[in-house]
Amino acid sequence: MKQLLPACCIALLCWSCSTKQKVDLIIHHAVIYTVDSAFSQAQAVAVSGGKIVALGTDQEILQQYTAPQVQDAAGQFIYPGFIDAHAHFVQYGLGLQQVELVGTQSWQDVIDRVKAFTGSRQLQPGEWILGRGWDQNDWPEKNFPDKTRLDSLFPNTPVLLGRVDGHAAIANQAALDAAGVKPGQTLTGGVIETKNGKLTGILIDNAVRLVQGTVPHPTAAYFQKALQDGAANCFAAGLTTIADCGIMKQEALFIDSLQKQHLFKMRLYVLLSDNQENYDYFLPKGPYHTDYLNIAGFKCYADGALGSRGACLLHDYTDKPGWKGFLLKDSSYFAAKAAQLINTKFQLCTHAIGDSANREILRIYGAVLKGKNDRRWRIEHAQVVNPEDMAMFGHYSIIPSVQPTHATSDMYWAGERLGSERIKHAYANQQLLQQNGWLPLGTDFPVEDISPLKTFLAAVARVDAKGYPAGGFQHENALTRQQALQGITLWAAKGCFEETNRGSLEPGKLADLVILDKDLMKVPFEDLLKTKVMATFSGGEQVYNISKAK
């Protein structure tokens, strides 16, 4: 009998193994926030074919499933892969190949970085010097700079350096000449700054596009590297899907070709730029979907940015009497686009920051939406909304797509632009959430940092990375931790019509998930940005691991 027992045990073990369902991946001994409708938790997850098969306790999953990859999470925390509901991924990737100007402390700092960048590489004939990220509001001298130094250093090489928000730039004379920009030239929705009859190099909103249109297109190799570099950084931040707000047909098709060759694995929801070429190509075809790419919307710009005083306000800027900003196009243009797209399956998303721009777009949307609906037309940013207009979001099911870090970046100077009364109705995230009961969150990177952890912190604590201000900026509009997590997962997916296959960890959905070393639901605010992304999975494939990144 003693000799028979081991044989029985072996037989029982073999029978047990044969009854287990084979999957590709099991992760166990974790704290899993599923972000499902009950906001439930689990300990283990089984993945097969890139999708979630089951979640449950460690015992349930390990007894019912077997896999070639079994990972012990050792008590770490798993969330749905983070989704950025509003970013500029292509711009971000291209920016990684250019002069990094974020965080510059003065115009001299900008000049020094440009010189260091050009000194470290051999410029090719016809190549432009490009950069983005400066913000004069961070400098001791807060006025816009002029191009004198750039002209002196680079008399024959075009230079174009974008402001952090993308709504202003400075160009040297070589770049202005290449674009044919002249003193006294005017245009709708933009400003070409002059002083004493001479160009300063400062371009605002549509004026920037005059020069951008002259910049040579990147080569295929350059563009591929930009996309891959951007994806690597996003995966390291725990991001698995990005809504890229405003790209061209050629860029979208190139991305599709790379994804089909398995050379680019970031999932993108694409809002096409408001450009006739894009309308002509995609409207007859309808939305385009693959496992990694969803082209299903158009992005318009109603106004500019508050930082460059291009946001369109109902009343004068407090720090610039007589100036209200401007719409980038006549309101009839936006009305025509709304009337055109309401008869298609495409989503319409419009950038609106100032209270006048928000009012105009809300009314235009409402005229065609007519009432409650599930079109999910969005207003991007919705930074300054007049209290009288707030209810239109809910009445017409218009979705505000907001970026919490804008509030904590702008809070240092936004009050100067808006005044003490109007600022109270700005960056009203909680109030905006209440209009429809959900709120997609993003970063607007590269305007802000790509980190969804900074988005979470700004949303729940209303402080910046330095922990300022004590008690939070207008904390009455903070989100709860649960709301913030939903905002960067399920609600972000919903804002892109993708909640049926991502945004929460549920059977049948994509196995897009991120493992963190801290619990976002409990970690003290002062320690939140110390949280590390340990691993990121896209469709069950590990696309980032902290141990391999070191």
Protein backbone atom coordinates (compact mmCIF):
# COMPACT_ATOMS: atom_id res chain seq x y z
CA MET A 1 0.00 0.00 0.00
CA LYS A 2 2.85 2.35 0.79
CA GLN A 3 4.26 1.72 -2.70
CA LEU A 4 0.86 2.33 -4.37
CA LEU A 5 0.19 5.76 -2.76
CA PRO A 6 2.79 7.75 -4.74
CA ALA A 7 1.43 6.28 -7.98
CA CYS A 8 -2.10 7.32 -7.03
CA CYS A 9 -0.93 10.82 -6.18
CA ILE A 10 0.88 11.10 -9.49
CA ALA A 11 -2.21 9.91 -11.35
CA LEU A 12 -4.40 12.36 -9.46
CA LEU A 13 -1.98 15.19 -10.22
CA CYS A 14 -1.90 14.31 -13.93
CA TRP A 15 -5.71 14.16 -14.02
CA SER A 16 -5.91 17.52 -12.28
CA CYS A 17 -3.48 19.09 -14.76
CA SER A 18 -5.36 17.65 -17.73
CA THR A 19 -8.61 19.26 -16.55
CA LYS A 20 -7.08 22.70 -16.24
CA GLN A 21 -7.77 25.13 -19.08
CA LYS A 22 -4.64 26.15 -20.94
CA VAL A 23 -4.04 29.88 -21.25
CA ASP A 24 -1.07 32.02 -22.25
CA LEU A 25 -0.43 33.98 -19.06
CA ILE A 26 -1.37 33.90 -15.39
CA ILE A 27 -0.56 36.68 -12.95
CA HIS A 28 -1.34 35.90 -9.32
CA HIS A 29 -0.91 37.23 -5.80
CA ALA A 30 -1.78 40.76 -6.87
CA VAL A 31 -4.24 43.39 -5.78
CA ILE A 32 -6.24 43.90 -8.97
CA TYR A 33 -8.51 46.90 -9.45
CA THR A 34 -10.78 45.77 -12.27
CA VAL A 35 -12.58 49.16 -12.68
CA ASP A 36 -15.70 47.25 -13.66
CA SER A 37 -19.19 48.55 -12.85
CA ALA A 38 -18.87 47.38 -9.23
CA PHE A 39 -15.28 48.62 -8.95
CA SER A 40 -14.45 45.12 -7.75
CA GLN A 41 -11.07 43.62 -6.88
CA ALA A 42 -9.40 40.30 -7.65
CA GLN A 43 -6.13 38.54 -6.84
CA ALA A 44 -5.29 36.78 -10.09
CA VAL A 45 -5.95 36.99 -13.82
CA ALA A 46 -5.75 34.48 -16.68
CA VAL A 47 -5.02 35.66 -20.22
CA SER A 48 -5.32 33.89 -23.56
CA GLY A 49 -5.19 35.16 -27.14
CA GLY A 50 -4.48 38.67 -25.93
CA LYS A 51 -7.70 38.85 -23.93
CA ILE A 52 -8.73 38.30 -20.34
CA VAL A 53 -10.23 34.86 -19.75
CA ALA A 54 -10.96 35.08 -16.03
CA LEU A 55 -10.26 36.93 -12.81
CA GLY A 56 -10.61 35.60 -9.29
CA THR A 57 -8.80 34.55 -6.19
CA ASP A 58 -5.31 33.04 -6.40
CA GLN A 59 -6.77 29.64 -5.59
CA GLU A 60 -9.49 29.85 -8.22
CA ILE A 61 -7.22 30.90 -11.07
CA LEU A 62 -4.29 28.62 -10.22
CA GLN A 63 -6.56 25.59 -9.80
CA GLN A 64 -8.54 26.16 -12.98
CA TYR A 65 -5.86 27.36 -15.40
CA THR A 66 -2.35 26.46 -16.51
CA ALA A 67 0.00 28.62 -18.59
CA PRO A 68 3.58 28.67 -19.92
CA GLN A 69 3.95 32.11 -18.33
CA VAL A 70 3.05 32.33 -14.66
CA GLN A 71 3.99 35.50 -12.83
CA ASP A 72 3.84 36.11 -9.09
CA ALA A 73 3.01 39.79 -8.57
CA ALA A 74 4.12 39.54 -4.94
CA GLY A 75 1.33 41.74 -3.65
CA GLN A 76 1.78 44.53 -6.19
CA PHE A 77 -1.12 46.43 -7.72
CA ILE A 78 -2.67 45.86 -11.13
CA TYR A 79 -4.87 48.33 -13.00
CA PRO A 80 -6.29 48.48 -16.51
CA GLY A 81 -3.71 49.87 -18.92
CA PHE A 82 -3.83 53.63 -18.64
CA ILE A 83 -5.49 55.52 -21.48
CA ASP A 84 -4.74 59.13 -22.37
CA ALA A 85 -7.97 60.60 -23.72
CA HIS A 86 -6.27 63.65 -25.24
CA ALA A 87 -2.66 63.84 -26.37
CA HIS A 88 -0.55 64.60 -29.41
CA PHE A 89 1.42 61.39 -29.78
CA VAL A 90 2.89 62.05 -33.21
CA GLN A 91 4.03 65.53 -32.15
CA TYR A 92 5.51 64.04 -28.99
CA GLY A 93 7.49 61.43 -30.89
CA LEU A 94 8.79 63.98 -33.36
CA GLY A 95 9.67 66.28 -30.47
CA LEU A 96 11.94 63.60 -29.04
CA GLN A 97 14.09 64.08 -32.13
CA GLN A 98 14.20 67.88 -31.71
CA VAL A 99 15.41 70.49 -29.23
CA GLU A 100 13.83 69.90 -25.81
CA LEU A 101 12.75 73.27 -24.41
CA VAL A 102 10.40 72.20 -21.61
CA GLY A 103 11.53 73.65 -18.30
CA THR A 104 13.70 76.40 -19.72
CA GLN A 105 14.12 79.18 -17.18
CA SER A 106 14.86 82.08 -19.52
CA TRP A 107 15.27 83.03 -23.18
CA GLN A 108 19.02 82.61 -22.70
CA ASP A 109 18.35 79.07 -21.51
CA VAL A 110 16.46 78.44 -24.76
CA ILE A 111 19.35 79.82 -26.80
CA ASP A 112 21.84 77.67 -24.90
CA ARG A 113 19.84 74.51 -25.52
CA VAL A 114 19.54 75.26 -29.23
CA LYS A 115 23.29 75.82 -29.46
CA ALA A 116 24.01 72.58 -27.58
CA PHE A 117 21.64 70.66 -29.84
CA THR A 118 23.16 71.96 -33.06
CA GLY A 119 26.68 71.52 -31.71
CA SER A 120 26.06 67.83 -31.09
CA ARG A 121 24.98 66.98 -34.62
CA GLN A 122 25.77 67.72 -38.24
CA LEU A 123 22.89 69.60 -39.84
CA GLN A 124 22.07 68.42 -43.33
CA PRO A 125 21.54 70.91 -46.19
CA GLY A 126 18.01 72.27 -46.05
CA GLU A 127 17.43 70.91 -42.52
CA TRP A 128 15.51 73.09 -40.09
CA ILE A 129 16.21 73.50 -36.39
CA LEU A 130 12.99 72.63 -34.60
CA GLY A 131 12.04 72.62 -30.94
CA ARG A 132 9.13 73.02 -28.60
CA GLY A 133 8.33 73.56 -24.96
CA TRP A 134 9.33 77.08 -23.88
CA ASP A 135 6.95 79.07 -21.70
CA GLN A 136 7.66 82.72 -21.03
CA ASN A 137 5.37 82.58 -18.01
CA ASP A 138 8.11 80.55 -16.26
CA TRP A 139 10.79 83.19 -16.89
CA PRO A 140 11.74 86.24 -14.81
CA GLU A 141 10.95 88.36 -17.90
CA LYS A 142 7.48 87.19 -18.89
CA ASN A 143 7.16 89.02 -22.20
CA PHE A 144 7.55 87.18 -25.48
CA PRO A 145 11.18 87.09 -26.71
CA ASP A 146 12.28 88.29 -30.14
CA LYS A 147 14.33 86.65 -32.86
CA THR A 148 17.46 88.85 -32.76
CA ARG A 149 19.71 86.21 -31.18
CA LEU A 150 18.42 83.48 -33.47
CA ASP A 151 19.10 85.64 -36.53
CA SER A 152 22.65 86.27 -35.35
CA LEU A 153 23.43 82.62 -34.59
CA PHE A 154 21.62 81.07 -37.54
CA PRO A 155 21.46 83.59 -40.39
CA ASN A 156 20.98 80.94 -43.09
CA THR A 157 19.35 78.03 -41.23
CA PRO A 158 15.60 78.22 -40.57
CA VAL A 159 14.68 77.94 -36.87
CA LEU A 160 11.17 77.38 -35.50
CA LEU A 161 10.69 76.95 -31.74
CA GLY A 162 7.18 76.24 -30.48
CA ARG A 163 5.73 77.44 -27.21
CA VAL A 164 4.72 74.68 -24.78
CA ASP A 165 1.01 74.83 -25.73
CA GLY A 166 1.65 74.66 -29.49
CA HIS A 167 -0.36 77.86 -30.01
CA ALA A 168 2.61 80.20 -30.38
CA ALA A 169 6.14 79.96 -31.72
CA ILE A 170 9.19 82.03 -32.48
CA ALA A 171 10.87 81.84 -35.89
CA ASN A 172 14.10 83.38 -37.12
CA GLN A 173 14.28 85.45 -40.28
CA ALA A 174 15.43 82.53 -42.41
CA ALA A 175 12.28 80.60 -41.45
CA LEU A 176 10.05 83.62 -42.00
CA ASP A 177 11.60 84.20 -45.42
CA ALA A 178 11.09 80.55 -46.35
CA ALA A 179 7.40 80.94 -45.53
CA GLY A 180 7.08 84.34 -47.19
CA VAL A 181 5.95 86.07 -44.00
CA LYS A 182 6.08 89.87 -44.24
CA PRO A 183 5.57 92.75 -41.76
CA GLY A 184 2.00 94.01 -41.78
CA GLN A 185 0.61 90.72 -43.05
CA THR A 186 -2.69 89.78 -41.42
CA LEU A 187 -4.72 86.59 -41.26
CA THR A 188 -7.84 85.20 -39.62
CA GLY A 189 -7.32 83.49 -36.29
CA GLY A 190 -3.69 84.39 -35.86
CA VAL A 191 -1.18 87.14 -35.13
CA ILE A 192 2.15 87.94 -36.79
CA GLU A 193 3.78 90.16 -34.21
CA THR A 194 5.64 93.29 -35.26
CA LYS A 195 7.31 96.10 -33.38
CA ASN A 196 8.27 99.36 -35.02
CA GLY A 197 7.29 97.86 -38.35
CA LYS A 198 9.64 94.88 -38.02
CA LEU A 199 8.90 91.20 -37.43
CA THR A 200 9.74 90.02 -33.92
CA GLY A 201 9.53 86.37 -34.91
CA ILE A 202 6.55 85.72 -32.62
CA LEU A 203 3.69 83.86 -34.31
CA ILE A 204 0.37 83.04 -32.63
CA ASP A 205 -2.10 80.31 -33.61
CA ASN A 206 -2.80 80.30 -37.37
CA ALA A 207 0.34 82.35 -37.96
CA VAL A 208 2.40 79.41 -36.66
CA ARG A 209 0.88 77.21 -39.35
CA LEU A 210 2.13 79.57 -42.06
CA VAL A 211 5.69 78.63 -41.17
CA GLN A 212 5.01 75.02 -40.15
CA GLY A 213 3.70 74.38 -43.64
CA THR A 214 7.15 75.16 -45.03
CA VAL A 215 9.03 72.68 -42.82
CA PRO A 216 10.24 69.68 -44.88
CA HIS A 217 8.39 66.43 -44.22
CA PRO A 218 10.34 63.90 -42.13
CA THR A 219 11.74 60.85 -43.86
CA ALA A 220 10.07 57.48 -43.28
CA ALA A 221 13.00 56.30 -41.14
CA TYR A 222 12.91 59.48 -39.05
CA PHE A 223 9.14 59.19 -38.55
CA GLN A 224 9.35 55.50 -37.64
CA LYS A 225 11.99 56.20 -35.00
CA ALA A 226 9.89 59.05 -33.62
CA LEU A 227 6.87 56.76 -33.23
CA GLN A 228 8.86 53.93 -31.67
CA ASP A 229 10.64 56.24 -29.23
CA GLY A 230 7.32 57.76 -28.22
CA ALA A 231 5.73 54.36 -27.71
CA ALA A 232 8.61 53.17 -25.52
CA ASN A 233 8.20 56.17 -23.22
CA CYS A 234 4.43 55.72 -23.05
CA PHE A 235 4.67 52.03 -22.18
CA ALA A 236 7.16 52.93 -19.44
CA ALA A 237 4.52 55.31 -18.04
CA GLY A 238 1.87 52.57 -18.04
CA LEU A 239 0.00 53.90 -21.06
CA THR A 240 -1.47 51.35 -23.46
CA THR A 241 -3.82 53.51 -25.56
CA ILE A 242 -3.49 57.12 -26.68
CA ALA A 243 -6.09 59.36 -28.30
CA ASP A 244 -3.98 61.32 -30.79
CA CYS A 245 -5.87 64.55 -31.31
CA GLY A 246 -5.21 65.89 -34.75
CA ILE A 247 -3.03 64.09 -37.30
CA MET A 248 -3.01 63.93 -41.09
CA LYS A 249 -4.11 61.13 -43.38
CA GLN A 250 -0.55 60.31 -44.44
CA GLU A 251 0.58 59.98 -40.83
CA ALA A 252 -2.35 57.74 -39.94
CA LEU A 253 -1.77 55.47 -42.93
CA PHE A 254 1.95 55.21 -42.18
CA ILE A 255 1.16 54.25 -38.58
CA ASP A 256 -1.23 51.58 -39.88
CA SER A 257 1.49 50.15 -42.13
CA LEU A 258 3.97 49.93 -39.25
CA GLN A 259 1.43 48.26 -37.00
CA LYS A 260 0.62 45.66 -39.64
CA GLN A 261 4.35 44.87 -39.79
CA HIS A 262 4.42 44.59 -35.98
CA LEU A 263 6.93 47.48 -35.85
CA PHE A 264 4.74 49.75 -33.72
CA LYS A 265 2.59 48.38 -30.89
CA MET A 266 0.97 51.41 -29.30
CA ARG A 267 -2.81 51.45 -29.63
CA LEU A 268 -4.07 54.75 -31.03
CA TYR A 269 -7.48 56.35 -31.29
CA VAL A 270 -7.06 58.93 -34.04
CA LEU A 271 -8.86 62.22 -34.39
CA LEU A 272 -8.01 63.51 -37.85
CA SER A 273 -6.97 67.12 -38.31
CA ASP A 274 -9.56 69.58 -39.59
CA ASN A 275 -8.16 69.48 -43.13
CA GLN A 276 -9.99 69.05 -46.43
CA GLU A 277 -7.62 66.30 -47.55
CA ASN A 278 -8.63 64.24 -44.51
CA TYR A 279 -12.35 64.82 -45.10
CA ASP A 280 -12.07 63.93 -48.78
CA TYR A 281 -10.30 60.65 -48.04
CA PHE A 282 -12.11 59.36 -44.95
CA LEU A 283 -15.70 60.61 -45.15
CA PRO A 284 -16.60 58.39 -48.14
CA LYS A 285 -14.89 55.39 -46.50
CA GLY A 286 -16.18 55.81 -42.96
CA PRO A 287 -14.27 55.03 -39.72
CA TYR A 288 -11.33 52.63 -39.93
CA HIS A 289 -10.67 49.99 -37.25
CA THR A 290 -7.93 47.47 -36.57
CA ASP A 291 -6.77 45.86 -33.32
CA TYR A 292 -4.33 48.73 -32.83
CA LEU A 293 -5.75 51.66 -34.75
CA ASN A 294 -9.15 53.34 -34.60
CA ILE A 295 -9.66 56.31 -36.93
CA ALA A 296 -13.11 57.56 -36.04
CA GLY A 297 -13.18 61.30 -35.42
CA PHE A 298 -12.18 64.79 -36.49
CA LYS A 299 -10.56 67.49 -34.39
CA CYS A 300 -11.31 71.18 -34.87
CA TYR A 301 -9.81 74.19 -33.08
CA ALA A 302 -12.21 76.91 -31.96
CA ASP A 303 -9.63 79.14 -30.27
CA GLY A 304 -6.08 79.28 -28.98
CA ALA A 305 -4.55 78.94 -25.53
CA LEU A 306 -4.88 81.00 -22.38
CA GLY A 307 -1.12 81.23 -21.88
CA SER A 308 -0.58 83.00 -25.20
CA ARG A 309 -3.83 84.99 -24.80
CA GLY A 310 -5.36 83.29 -27.82
CA ALA A 311 -8.26 81.75 -25.90
CA CYS A 312 -11.51 83.48 -26.89
CA LEU A 313 -13.15 85.15 -23.88
CA LEU A 314 -16.54 86.79 -23.39
CA HIS A 315 -14.87 89.75 -21.68
CA ASP A 316 -11.43 91.34 -21.85
CA TYR A 317 -8.34 89.66 -20.48
CA THR A 318 -7.76 91.14 -17.05
CA ASP A 319 -4.06 91.65 -17.82
CA LYS A 320 -4.69 92.99 -21.35
CA PRO A 321 -7.63 95.40 -21.46
CA GLY A 322 -9.23 95.69 -24.88
CA TRP A 323 -8.28 92.15 -25.87
CA LYS A 324 -10.62 89.15 -25.78
CA GLY A 325 -8.65 86.68 -27.90
CA PHE A 326 -10.29 85.28 -31.03
CA LEU A 327 -11.91 82.34 -32.74
CA LEU A 328 -9.57 80.68 -35.19
CA LYS A 329 -12.32 80.58 -37.83
CA ASP A 330 -15.71 82.20 -38.25
CA SER A 331 -18.40 80.47 -36.22
CA SER A 332 -20.24 79.61 -39.45
CA TYR A 333 -17.36 77.29 -40.34
CA PHE A 334 -17.79 75.24 -37.17
CA ALA A 335 -21.55 75.17 -37.70
CA ALA A 336 -21.03 73.80 -41.21
CA LYS A 337 -18.71 71.06 -39.94
CA ALA A 338 -21.20 70.05 -37.27
CA ALA A 339 -23.99 69.89 -39.85
CA GLN A 340 -21.77 67.79 -42.13
CA LEU A 341 -20.55 65.31 -39.51
CA ILE A 342 -23.90 64.75 -37.80
CA ASN A 343 -24.85 62.66 -40.84
CA THR A 344 -21.75 60.44 -40.55
CA LYS A 345 -20.46 57.90 -38.04
CA PHE A 346 -17.50 60.13 -37.13
CA GLN A 347 -17.05 61.80 -33.77
CA LEU A 348 -16.53 65.57 -33.67
CA CYS A 349 -14.13 66.95 -31.07
CA THR A 350 -13.39 70.66 -30.81
CA HIS A 351 -10.67 72.45 -28.87
CA ALA A 352 -12.28 75.24 -26.84
CA ILE A 353 -10.57 76.95 -23.91
CA GLY A 354 -12.12 80.39 -23.44
CA ASP A 355 -15.68 80.89 -22.16
CA SER A 356 -16.74 82.53 -25.43
CA ALA A 357 -15.34 79.65 -27.50
CA ASN A 358 -17.01 77.09 -25.23
CA ARG A 359 -20.35 78.87 -25.46
CA GLU A 360 -20.14 79.04 -29.25
CA ILE A 361 -19.26 75.37 -29.70
CA LEU A 362 -21.83 74.19 -27.15
CA ARG A 363 -24.54 76.08 -29.03
CA ILE A 364 -23.36 74.81 -32.42
CA TYR A 365 -23.27 71.22 -31.19
CA GLY A 366 -26.66 71.59 -29.53
CA ALA A 367 -28.27 72.85 -32.73
CA VAL A 368 -27.57 69.53 -34.49
CA LEU A 369 -27.57 67.11 -31.56
CA LYS A 370 -30.93 68.53 -30.40
CA GLY A 371 -31.02 66.68 -27.06
CA LYS A 372 -29.79 63.55 -25.27
CA ASN A 373 -27.82 61.23 -27.55
CA ASP A 374 -24.87 58.84 -27.69
CA ARG A 375 -22.74 60.60 -30.31
CA ARG A 376 -20.19 61.53 -27.63
CA TRP A 377 -19.14 64.72 -29.38
CA ARG A 378 -16.48 66.26 -27.22
CA ILE A 379 -15.16 69.64 -26.23
CA GLU A 380 -11.45 69.35 -25.64
CA HIS A 381 -10.14 71.21 -22.56
CA ALA A 382 -13.31 73.16 -21.58
CA GLN A 383 -11.05 75.22 -19.35
CA VAL A 384 -13.17 78.34 -18.86
CA VAL A 385 -16.92 77.80 -18.95
CA ASN A 386 -19.45 80.45 -18.03
CA PRO A 387 -21.79 79.12 -15.29
CA GLU A 388 -24.80 79.88 -17.50
CA ASP A 389 -23.46 77.46 -20.13
CA MET A 390 -22.48 74.51 -17.95
CA ALA A 391 -25.83 72.71 -18.21
CA MET A 392 -25.54 72.45 -22.00
CA PHE A 393 -22.98 69.67 -21.59
CA GLY A 394 -25.57 67.45 -19.94
CA HIS A 395 -28.56 68.62 -21.96
CA TYR A 396 -26.93 67.67 -25.27
CA SER A 397 -24.73 64.81 -23.95
CA ILE A 398 -21.62 66.77 -24.92
CA ILE A 399 -18.52 65.28 -23.32
CA PRO A 400 -15.91 67.58 -21.76
CA SER A 401 -12.47 66.02 -22.26
CA VAL A 402 -10.18 67.58 -19.67
CA GLN A 403 -6.55 67.51 -18.62
CA PRO A 404 -6.15 67.96 -14.84
CA THR A 405 -2.50 69.00 -15.04
CA HIS A 406 -3.49 72.06 -17.07
CA ALA A 407 -5.04 73.46 -13.89
CA THR A 408 -1.93 72.89 -11.80
CA SER A 409 0.37 74.25 -14.52
CA ASP A 410 -1.74 77.33 -15.27
CA MET A 411 -2.69 78.19 -11.67
CA TYR A 412 0.42 80.34 -11.23
CA TRP A 413 -0.73 82.91 -13.79
CA ALA A 414 -4.30 82.02 -14.88
CA GLY A 415 -5.77 84.37 -12.29
CA GLU A 416 -3.89 87.27 -13.87
CA ARG A 417 -5.46 86.45 -17.25
CA LEU A 418 -9.00 85.87 -15.94
CA GLY A 419 -9.37 87.92 -12.78
CA SER A 420 -10.56 86.87 -9.34
CA GLU A 421 -14.18 86.14 -10.30
CA ARG A 422 -13.77 84.42 -13.65
CA ILE A 423 -11.01 82.09 -12.38
CA LYS A 424 -13.56 80.52 -10.02
CA HIS A 425 -15.30 78.97 -13.02
CA ALA A 426 -12.16 77.67 -14.67
CA TYR A 427 -10.76 74.09 -14.61
CA ALA A 428 -14.03 72.95 -12.98
CA ASN A 429 -13.42 69.20 -13.33
CA GLN A 430 -15.86 67.93 -10.71
CA GLN A 431 -18.59 70.24 -11.94
CA LEU A 432 -17.97 69.09 -15.52
CA LEU A 433 -18.08 65.44 -14.45
CA GLN A 434 -21.52 65.92 -12.93
CA GLN A 435 -23.01 67.00 -16.25
CA ASN A 436 -22.95 63.50 -17.80
CA GLY A 437 -21.74 61.36 -14.89
CA TRP A 438 -18.37 60.52 -16.46
CA LEU A 439 -15.28 62.40 -17.57
CA PRO A 440 -12.39 61.27 -19.81
CA LEU A 441 -9.00 62.50 -18.62
CA GLY A 442 -5.83 63.16 -20.58
CA THR A 443 -2.61 65.11 -20.46
CA ASP A 444 -2.38 66.99 -23.79
CA PHE A 445 1.24 65.82 -23.94
CA PRO A 446 3.71 67.13 -25.06
CA VAL A 447 2.09 70.29 -23.65
CA GLU A 448 2.19 68.50 -20.29
CA ASP A 449 4.17 65.49 -19.06
CA ILE A 450 2.99 62.09 -20.35
CA SER A 451 2.66 60.68 -16.82
CA PRO A 452 -0.86 59.44 -15.95
CA LEU A 453 0.28 59.52 -12.31
CA LYS A 454 0.61 63.30 -12.55
CA THR A 455 -2.87 63.38 -14.08
CA PHE A 456 -4.15 61.36 -11.12
CA LEU A 457 -2.43 63.59 -8.57
CA ALA A 458 -3.67 66.81 -10.17
CA ALA A 459 -7.20 65.41 -10.39
CA VAL A 460 -7.54 64.25 -6.78
CA ALA A 461 -5.28 66.63 -4.87
CA ARG A 462 -5.27 69.64 -7.24
CA VAL A 463 -1.55 70.14 -6.62
CA ASP A 464 1.44 70.07 -8.95
CA ALA A 465 4.47 67.80 -8.75
CA LYS A 466 5.95 70.02 -6.05
CA GLY A 467 2.86 69.55 -3.86
CA TYR A 468 1.81 73.17 -4.36
CA PRO A 469 -0.48 74.70 -3.20
CA ALA A 470 -1.25 73.42 0.28
CA GLY A 471 -4.85 72.28 0.29
CA GLY A 472 -5.04 72.23 -3.50
CA PHE A 473 -6.01 74.72 -6.20
CA GLN A 474 -9.79 75.29 -6.07
CA HIS A 475 -10.12 71.93 -4.36
CA GLU A 476 -13.91 71.97 -4.59
CA ASN A 477 -13.40 70.71 -8.14
CA ALA A 478 -11.17 67.77 -7.19
CA LEU A 479 -12.18 64.27 -8.24
CA THR A 480 -12.31 61.29 -5.92
CA ARG A 481 -9.61 58.63 -6.33
CA GLN A 482 -12.11 56.26 -7.89
CA GLN A 483 -13.28 58.92 -10.35
CA ALA A 484 -9.70 59.77 -11.29
CA LEU A 485 -8.84 56.12 -11.93
CA GLN A 486 -11.97 55.72 -14.02
CA GLY A 487 -11.00 58.90 -15.88
CA ILE A 488 -7.66 57.44 -17.04
CA THR A 489 -9.08 53.99 -17.81
CA LEU A 490 -12.75 53.18 -18.47
CA TRP A 491 -14.02 56.72 -19.03
CA ALA A 492 -11.09 57.52 -21.31
CA ALA A 493 -11.98 54.40 -23.31
CA LYS A 494 -15.64 55.44 -23.37
CA GLY A 495 -14.65 58.85 -24.71
CA CYS A 496 -13.24 56.97 -27.71
CA PHE A 497 -16.12 54.46 -28.05
CA GLU A 498 -13.77 51.70 -26.90
CA GLU A 499 -15.22 50.72 -23.52
CA THR A 500 -16.45 47.35 -24.82
CA ASN A 501 -12.91 46.04 -25.34
CA ARG A 502 -10.66 48.03 -22.99
CA GLY A 503 -10.64 50.39 -20.02
CA SER A 504 -11.48 47.75 -17.41
CA LEU A 505 -10.22 44.26 -16.59
CA GLU A 506 -13.09 41.94 -17.42
CA PRO A 507 -13.40 38.62 -19.28
CA GLY A 508 -13.43 39.16 -23.03
CA LYS A 509 -11.64 42.49 -22.90
CA LEU A 510 -8.09 43.14 -24.06
CA ALA A 511 -5.41 42.15 -21.58
CA ASP A 512 -4.03 45.69 -21.42
CA LEU A 513 -2.83 46.20 -17.87
CA VAL A 514 -0.20 47.91 -15.77
CA ILE A 515 1.50 46.76 -12.56
CA LEU A 516 2.45 49.42 -9.99
CA ASP A 517 4.34 49.09 -6.72
CA LYS A 518 1.88 51.31 -4.83
CA ASP A 519 -1.87 51.43 -4.32
CA LEU A 520 -3.29 54.52 -6.02
CA MET A 521 -6.40 54.24 -3.89
CA LYS A 522 -4.46 54.57 -0.64
CA VAL A 523 -0.98 56.02 -1.17
CA PRO A 524 -0.50 59.43 0.53
CA PHE A 525 -0.51 62.27 -1.97
CA GLU A 526 3.05 63.25 -1.09
CA ASP A 527 4.24 59.76 -2.10
CA LEU A 528 2.07 59.27 -5.17
CA LEU A 529 4.66 60.39 -7.73
CA LYS A 530 7.16 57.98 -6.17
CA THR A 531 5.02 55.16 -7.53
CA LYS A 532 6.90 52.98 -10.01
CA VAL A 533 5.52 51.30 -13.09
CA MET A 534 6.82 47.76 -12.70
CA ALA A 535 5.43 46.32 -15.93
CA THR A 536 3.02 47.11 -18.75
CA PHE A 537 1.13 44.55 -20.83
CA SER A 538 -0.59 45.15 -24.15
CA GLY A 539 -2.81 42.33 -25.31
CA GLY A 540 -1.12 40.04 -22.81
CA GLU A 541 2.33 40.85 -24.20
CA GLN A 542 4.76 42.47 -21.81
CA VAL A 543 5.84 45.69 -23.55
CA TYR A 544 7.66 47.19 -20.56
CA ASN A 545 9.46 45.75 -17.55
CA ILE A 546 11.27 47.96 -15.08
CA SER A 547 14.06 45.42 -14.52
CA LYS A 548 14.86 45.32 -18.24
CA ALA A 549 14.68 49.11 -18.55
CA LYS A 550 17.51 49.71 -16.11
